């Protein structure tokens, strides 16, 4: 909105950097330009103000596809007045010389023009497209069709309007149809999830089976090795017993040989001793044969006396002396 200062019989207008201001008096252009500032007489001046900045126009409308399904199209148009002098001649942008406000609603008129034109191009495209195709193809075809249609619209060109950008935010069917369309995908995703779950379970079962088989194989191998160990222990024990028996047999044989040798030696010694004693006895007997009887008796008494225990006291009775004396007298 232009800034108008009021003075007696005259006014001063100061525009902005984003607005084109035009001053016409008696059908002639007095001032015109962006950011213009000038004096004017309110009774004879015709003022117009056209914004030259980019404007956003959100749109939300319904369309019908080739299979008679209603869809909602949400888009945003970005436009600007590329030729504001041309726009002043086609749309009423006049402002009040006292307040600087628009006398009409020019932007609403332009918005209605853009809305109808954009809707027409989008509806024409969707009318020849099925719902599934329209939804799966995305917003690209609609955006391109609307942009191309607005760029080629002669009325917009004549009005000095340039569409800078077209953005289609979404194309949505009715809620019931959208839920119905989502059902196959949801079921397919659920089926894939179930398949993944079953596959994971099958993999887990297979792994558990492999682990069980591995454990069983380990147990079998351990049992086989234990059997081999028991057998080897038996063999070792048998070998130890055989070795012990052989050692005992060798020891017995050696002891028998030693005993036999010792017995032979003892027998030989006994024989030699016997022979020596026999020879000594024979020699002794030979000596005693030639010896007188008295001498033999004396030797015998001496030997007997040497073998008798020690006698402390001897008692001689008369009977003993009588017999001894008698014996001695008879021998004389």
Protein backbone atom coordinates (compact mmCIF):
# COMPACT_ATOMS: atom_id res chain seq x y z
CA UNK A 1 0.00 0.00 0.00
CA UNK A 2 1.30 3.42 -0.97
CA UNK A 3 2.06 6.00 1.71
CA UNK A 4 0.08 9.18 0.97
CA UNK A 5 0.69 12.37 2.86
CA UNK A 6 -2.21 14.85 2.85
CA UNK A 7 -1.68 18.57 2.42
CA UNK A 8 -4.13 21.39 1.56
CA UNK A 9 -5.15 21.07 -2.11
CA UNK A 10 -2.38 18.56 -2.80
CA UNK A 11 -1.06 15.14 -1.83
CA UNK A 12 2.29 13.40 -1.80
CA UNK A 13 2.64 9.70 -2.61
CA UNK A 14 5.64 7.58 -1.66
CA UNK A 15 5.70 4.11 -3.15
CA UNK A 16 7.62 0.99 -2.10
CA UNK A 17 10.29 -1.09 -3.75
CA UNK A 18 7.86 -3.94 -4.46
CA UNK A 19 4.99 -1.93 -5.95
CA UNK A 20 4.52 -0.29 -9.33
CA UNK A 21 2.68 3.05 -9.02
CA UNK A 22 1.09 4.84 -11.96
CA UNK A 23 -0.23 8.45 -11.99
CA UNK A 24 -2.58 9.45 -14.82
CA UNK A 25 -4.15 12.89 -15.26
CA UNK A 26 -6.65 13.67 -18.03
CA UNK A 27 -5.75 10.44 -19.79
CA UNK A 28 -2.04 11.20 -19.83
CA UNK A 29 0.62 9.33 -17.88
CA UNK A 30 2.30 11.69 -15.44
CA UNK A 31 4.33 9.30 -13.28
CA UNK A 32 4.91 5.56 -13.40
CA UNK A 33 7.46 3.22 -11.96
CA UNK A 34 8.52 1.01 -9.06
CA UNK A 35 9.32 2.91 -5.90
CA UNK A 36 8.04 6.19 -7.41
CA UNK A 37 7.46 9.29 -5.29
CA UNK A 38 5.58 12.35 -6.52
CA UNK A 39 3.08 15.14 -5.80
CA UNK A 40 -0.43 15.05 -7.23
CA UNK A 41 -3.80 16.80 -7.03
CA UNK A 42 -6.42 14.47 -5.59
CA UNK A 43 -9.31 15.82 -7.64
CA UNK A 44 -7.72 15.13 -11.03
CA UNK A 45 -5.32 12.30 -10.34
CA UNK A 46 -5.98 8.64 -11.18
CA UNK A 47 -3.64 6.40 -9.16
CA UNK A 48 -2.95 2.70 -9.63
CA UNK A 49 -0.68 0.42 -7.63
CA UNK A 50 0.43 -3.02 -8.84
CA UNK A 51 2.60 -5.32 -6.63
CA UNK A 52 5.60 -6.68 -8.50
CA UNK A 53 6.85 -9.15 -5.89
CA UNK A 54 6.24 -12.91 -6.09
CA UNK A 55 2.86 -14.00 -4.79
CA UNK A 56 1.85 -17.41 -3.46
CA UNK A 57 -1.58 -18.79 -4.35
CA UNK A 58 -2.58 -22.05 -2.60
CA UNK A 59 -5.18 -24.13 -4.42
CA UNK A 60 -7.33 -27.02 -3.26
CA UNK A 61 -9.89 -28.42 -5.68
CA UNK A 62 -11.59 -31.66 -6.69
CA UNK A 63 -11.28 -33.51 -10.00
CA UNK A 64 -12.65 -36.74 -11.44
CA UNK A 65 -10.54 -39.42 -13.03
CA UNK A 66 -11.32 -41.52 -16.09
CA UNK A 67 -12.82 -44.26 -13.88
CA UNK A 68 -15.16 -41.74 -12.20
CA UNK A 69 -13.25 -41.48 -8.94
CA UNK A 70 -13.11 -38.17 -7.12
CA UNK A 71 -9.64 -36.92 -6.14
CA UNK A 72 -8.46 -33.86 -4.28
CA UNK A 73 -5.59 -31.88 -5.78
CA UNK A 74 -3.51 -29.63 -3.56
CA UNK A 75 -1.08 -27.26 -5.25
CA UNK A 76 0.56 -23.89 -4.88
CA UNK A 77 1.15 -21.32 -7.66
CA UNK A 78 3.84 -18.68 -7.52
CA UNK A 79 3.17 -15.75 -9.83
CA UNK A 80 4.07 -12.11 -10.32
CA UNK A 81 3.11 -9.21 -12.54
CA UNK A 82 5.85 -9.22 -15.15
CA UNK A 83 4.34 -6.20 -16.97
CA UNK A 84 2.53 -4.04 -14.37
CA UNK A 85 1.72 -1.31 -16.91
CA UNK A 86 -0.12 -3.92 -18.97
CA UNK A 87 -1.86 -5.30 -15.87
CA UNK A 88 -3.18 -1.81 -14.97
CA UNK A 89 -5.06 -1.73 -18.27
CA UNK A 90 -6.68 -5.15 -17.76
CA UNK A 91 -7.38 -5.25 -14.03
CA UNK A 92 -8.62 -2.45 -11.78
CA UNK A 93 -5.65 -1.61 -9.50
CA UNK A 94 -6.83 1.96 -8.81
CA UNK A 95 -6.25 3.32 -5.29
CA UNK A 96 -8.01 6.00 -3.30
CA UNK A 97 -5.98 9.26 -3.43
CA UNK A 98 -6.78 9.98 0.20
CA UNK A 99 -6.13 6.59 1.85
CA UNK A 100 -3.95 4.75 -0.67
CA UNK A 101 -6.17 1.67 -0.50
CA UNK A 102 -7.43 -0.24 -3.52
CA UNK A 103 -10.93 0.67 -4.53
CA UNK A 104 -11.65 -2.89 -5.64
CA UNK A 105 -10.19 -6.39 -5.12
CA UNK A 106 -7.69 -6.82 -7.96
CA UNK A 107 -5.70 -9.62 -6.37
CA UNK A 108 -8.84 -11.67 -5.84
CA UNK A 109 -9.70 -11.26 -9.50
CA UNK A 110 -6.24 -12.41 -10.51
CA UNK A 111 -6.41 -15.31 -8.04
CA UNK A 112 -9.75 -16.39 -9.50
CA UNK A 113 -8.30 -16.25 -13.00
CA UNK A 114 -5.27 -18.34 -12.04
CA UNK A 115 -7.38 -20.80 -10.05
CA UNK A 116 -9.82 -21.45 -12.86
CA UNK A 117 -7.06 -21.80 -15.41
CA UNK A 118 -4.99 -24.16 -13.26
CA UNK A 119 -8.03 -26.25 -12.35
CA UNK A 120 -9.00 -26.54 -16.00
CA UNK A 121 -5.62 -27.94 -17.04
CA UNK A 122 -5.44 -30.32 -14.08
CA UNK A 123 -9.00 -31.55 -14.55
CA UNK A 124 -8.44 -32.10 -18.27
CA UNK A 125 -5.38 -34.25 -17.51
CA UNK A 126 -7.02 -36.29 -14.74
CA UNK A 127 -10.21 -36.81 -16.74
CA UNK A 128 -8.23 -38.96 -19.19
CA UNK A 129 -6.23 -40.81 -16.51
CA UNK A 130 -7.31 -43.69 -14.31
CA UNK A 131 -7.18 -43.37 -10.55
CA UNK A 132 -4.43 -45.95 -10.12
CA UNK A 133 -2.32 -44.32 -12.85
CA UNK A 134 -2.89 -40.85 -11.43
CA UNK A 135 -1.81 -41.96 -7.98
CA UNK A 136 1.13 -44.10 -9.06
CA UNK A 137 2.47 -41.58 -11.60
CA UNK A 138 2.68 -38.99 -8.86
CA UNK A 139 2.32 -35.23 -9.04
CA UNK A 140 4.78 -34.77 -11.90
CA UNK A 141 2.32 -35.07 -14.83
CA UNK A 142 -0.21 -32.75 -13.18
CA UNK A 143 2.49 -30.19 -12.36
CA UNK A 144 3.88 -30.24 -15.88
CA UNK A 145 0.42 -29.98 -17.45
CA UNK A 146 -0.60 -27.02 -15.27
CA UNK A 147 2.72 -25.22 -15.81
CA UNK A 148 2.58 -25.70 -19.56
CA UNK A 149 -1.08 -24.63 -19.72
CA UNK A 150 -0.57 -21.47 -17.67
CA UNK A 151 2.51 -20.51 -19.65
CA UNK A 152 0.53 -20.78 -22.88
CA UNK A 153 -2.58 -19.00 -21.55
CA UNK A 154 -3.10 -15.94 -23.75
CA UNK A 155 -5.22 -14.13 -21.20
CA UNK A 156 -2.49 -14.32 -18.60
CA UNK A 157 0.05 -13.06 -21.11
CA UNK A 158 -2.21 -10.18 -22.05
CA UNK A 159 -2.73 -9.34 -18.39
CA UNK A 160 1.01 -9.25 -17.80
CA UNK A 161 0.96 -12.17 -15.34
CA UNK A 162 3.88 -14.60 -15.31
CA UNK A 163 3.63 -17.93 -13.44
CA UNK A 164 6.98 -18.46 -11.77
CA UNK A 165 6.45 -21.91 -10.27
CA UNK A 166 3.84 -24.64 -9.93
CA UNK A 167 4.03 -27.03 -7.00
CA UNK A 168 1.59 -29.91 -6.67
CA UNK A 169 1.64 -31.03 -3.07
CA UNK A 170 -0.68 -34.04 -3.19
CA UNK A 171 -3.31 -35.93 -5.15
CA UNK A 172 -5.55 -37.81 -2.75
CA UNK A 173 -8.62 -39.94 -3.42
CA UNK A 174 -11.61 -40.18 -1.13
CA UNK A 175 -10.86 -41.73 2.29
CA UNK A 176 -12.82 -44.92 1.56
CA UNK A 177 -11.13 -45.39 -1.80
CA UNK A 178 -7.74 -44.60 -0.30
CA UNK A 179 -8.25 -47.24 2.39
CA UNK A 180 -9.37 -49.73 -0.27
CA UNK A 181 -6.29 -48.96 -2.35
CA UNK A 182 -4.05 -49.32 0.66
CA UNK A 183 -5.47 -52.73 1.51
CA UNK A 184 -3.61 -54.76 -1.19
CA UNK A 185 -0.35 -53.05 -0.38
CA UNK A 186 -0.92 -53.50 3.33
CA UNK A 187 -1.80 -57.15 2.81
CA UNK A 188 1.23 -57.65 0.58
CA UNK A 189 3.50 -56.01 3.13
CA UNK A 190 1.90 -58.08 5.88
CA UNK A 191 2.36 -61.21 3.78
CA UNK A 192 5.99 -60.32 3.18
CA UNK A 193 6.42 -59.67 6.89
CA UNK A 194 4.80 -63.03 7.69
CA UNK A 195 7.00 -64.71 5.10
CA UNK A 196 10.04 -63.07 6.65
CA UNK A 197 8.89 -64.21 10.09
CA UNK A 198 8.32 -67.76 8.87
CA UNK A 199 11.66 -67.73 7.09
CA UNK A 200 13.34 -66.47 10.24
CA UNK A 201 11.64 -69.16 12.27
CA UNK A 202 12.56 -71.80 9.71
CA UNK A 203 16.13 -70.57 9.78
CA UNK A 204 16.11 -70.69 13.56
CA UNK A 205 14.69 -74.24 13.52
CA UNK A 206 17.26 -75.27 10.93
CA UNK A 207 20.03 -73.77 13.02
CA UNK A 208 18.71 -75.48 16.15
CA UNK A 209 18.56 -78.78 14.23
CA UNK A 210 22.11 -78.25 13.02
CA UNK A 211 23.20 -77.46 16.56
CA UNK A 212 21.43 -80.57 17.89
CA UNK A 213 23.00 -82.72 15.18
CA UNK A 214 26.37 -81.22 15.97
CA UNK A 215 25.90 -81.89 19.68
CA UNK A 216 24.77 -85.46 18.90
CA UNK A 217 27.75 -85.96 16.63
CA UNK A 218 29.99 -84.63 19.38
CA UNK A 219 28.42 -87.02 21.88
CA UNK A 220 28.86 -89.94 19.48
CA UNK A 221 32.46 -88.95 18.88
CA UNK A 222 33.04 -88.60 22.62
CA UNK A 223 31.45 -92.01 23.22
CA UNK A 224 33.61 -93.54 20.49
CA UNK A 225 36.73 -91.96 21.94
CA UNK A 226 35.69 -93.08 25.43
CA UNK A 227 35.24 -96.61 24.08
CA UNK A 228 38.68 -96.42 22.51
CA UNK A 229 40.03 -95.07 25.80
CA UNK A 230 38.43 -97.92 27.77
CA UNK A 231 39.80 -100.44 25.28
CA UNK A 232 43.22 -98.87 25.41
CA UNK A 233 43.09 -98.89 29.21
CA UNK A 234 42.21 -102.61 29.10
CA UNK A 235 45.07 -103.26 26.72
CA UNK A 236 47.39 -101.28 28.96
CA UNK A 237 46.14 -103.14 32.06
CA UNK A 238 46.58 -106.50 30.28
CA UNK A 239 50.05 -105.48 29.20
CA UNK A 240 50.85 -104.37 32.74
CA UNK A 241 49.54 -107.71 34.11
CA UNK A 242 51.51 -109.63 31.50
CA UNK A 243 54.60 -107.59 32.25
CA UNK A 244 54.06 -108.07 36.00
CA UNK A 245 53.53 -111.84 35.52
CA UNK A 246 56.60 -112.06 33.34
CA UNK A 247 58.59 -110.08 35.88
CA UNK A 248 57.28 -112.31 38.69
CA UNK A 249 58.12 -115.41 36.66
CA UNK A 250 61.59 -114.10 35.99
CA UNK A 251 61.95 -113.19 39.67
CA UNK A 252 60.71 -116.68 40.70
CA UNK A 253 63.04 -118.36 38.26
CA UNK A 254 65.89 -116.22 39.48
CA UNK A 255 65.03 -116.97 43.13
CA UNK A 256 64.75 -120.68 42.34
CA UNK A 257 68.11 -120.59 40.67
CA UNK A 258 69.53 -118.74 43.63
CA UNK A 259 67.91 -121.18 46.09
CA UNK A 260 69.08 -124.13 44.05
CA UNK A 261 72.59 -122.73 43.90
CA UNK A 262 72.49 -121.96 47.63
CA UNK A 263 71.17 -125.46 48.36
CA UNK A 264 73.91 -126.98 46.24
CA UNK A 265 76.50 -124.89 48.02
CA UNK A 266 75.02 -125.80 51.42
CA UNK A 267 74.89 -129.46 50.47
CA UNK A 268 78.44 -129.34 49.25
CA UNK A 269 79.48 -127.60 52.45
CA UNK A 270 77.58 -130.08 54.56
CA UNK A 271 79.16 -132.95 52.61
CA UNK A 272 82.61 -131.49 53.01
CA UNK A 273 82.00 -130.82 56.69
CA UNK A 274 80.66 -134.34 57.12
CA UNK A 275 83.58 -135.80 55.32
CA UNK A 276 85.90 -133.67 57.47
CA UNK A 277 84.11 -134.68 60.65
CA UNK A 278 84.13 -138.30 59.51
CA UNK A 279 87.81 -138.16 58.76
CA UNK A 280 88.45 -136.50 62.09
CA UNK A 281 86.34 -139.07 63.90
CA UNK A 282 88.09 -141.89 62.10
CA UNK A 283 91.45 -140.41 62.98
CA UNK A 284 90.35 -139.92 66.56
CA UNK A 285 89.02 -143.42 66.73
CA UNK A 286 92.18 -144.74 65.22
CA UNK A 287 94.15 -143.01 67.96
CA UNK A 288 91.87 -144.30 70.68
CA UNK A 289 92.14 -147.84 69.36
CA UNK A 290 95.84 -147.95 70.11
CA UNK A 291 95.48 -146.06 73.42
CA UNK A 292 95.37 -147.90 76.77
CA UNK A 293 92.03 -148.30 78.47
CA UNK A 294 93.04 -146.25 81.46
CA UNK A 295 94.06 -143.41 79.27
CA UNK A 296 90.77 -143.58 77.47
CA UNK A 297 88.93 -143.52 80.76
CA UNK A 298 90.97 -140.59 81.94
CA UNK A 299 90.30 -138.66 78.75
CA UNK A 300 86.65 -139.49 78.97
CA UNK A 301 86.47 -138.26 82.51
CA UNK A 302 88.27 -135.09 81.58
CA UNK A 303 85.90 -134.47 78.73
CA UNK A 304 82.99 -135.21 80.97
CA UNK A 305 84.34 -132.90 83.59
CA UNK A 306 84.72 -130.13 81.08
CA UNK A 307 81.06 -130.47 80.11
CA UNK A 308 79.73 -130.70 83.66
CA UNK A 309 78.28 -127.64 85.37
CA UNK A 310 80.42 -125.84 87.95
CA UNK A 311 80.47 -127.73 91.24
CA UNK A 312 80.84 -125.67 94.39
CA UNK A 313 80.80 -128.41 96.97
CA UNK A 314 81.38 -132.19 96.69
CA UNK A 315 80.12 -134.54 99.35
CA UNK A 316 81.91 -137.90 99.58
CA UNK A 317 80.02 -140.60 101.44
CA UNK A 318 81.49 -143.72 102.82
CA UNK A 319 79.58 -145.85 100.38
CA UNK A 320 81.25 -144.13 97.50
CA UNK A 321 84.73 -144.49 98.95
CA UNK A 322 84.19 -148.14 99.77
CA UNK A 323 83.23 -148.99 96.25
CA UNK A 324 86.04 -146.92 94.72
CA UNK A 325 88.66 -148.41 97.00
CA UNK A 326 87.37 -151.84 96.26
CA UNK A 327 87.62 -151.26 92.56
CA UNK A 328 91.17 -149.91 92.85
CA UNK A 329 92.26 -152.89 94.99
CA UNK A 330 90.88 -155.35 92.49
CA UNK A 331 92.70 -153.74 89.63
CA UNK A 332 96.05 -154.12 91.40
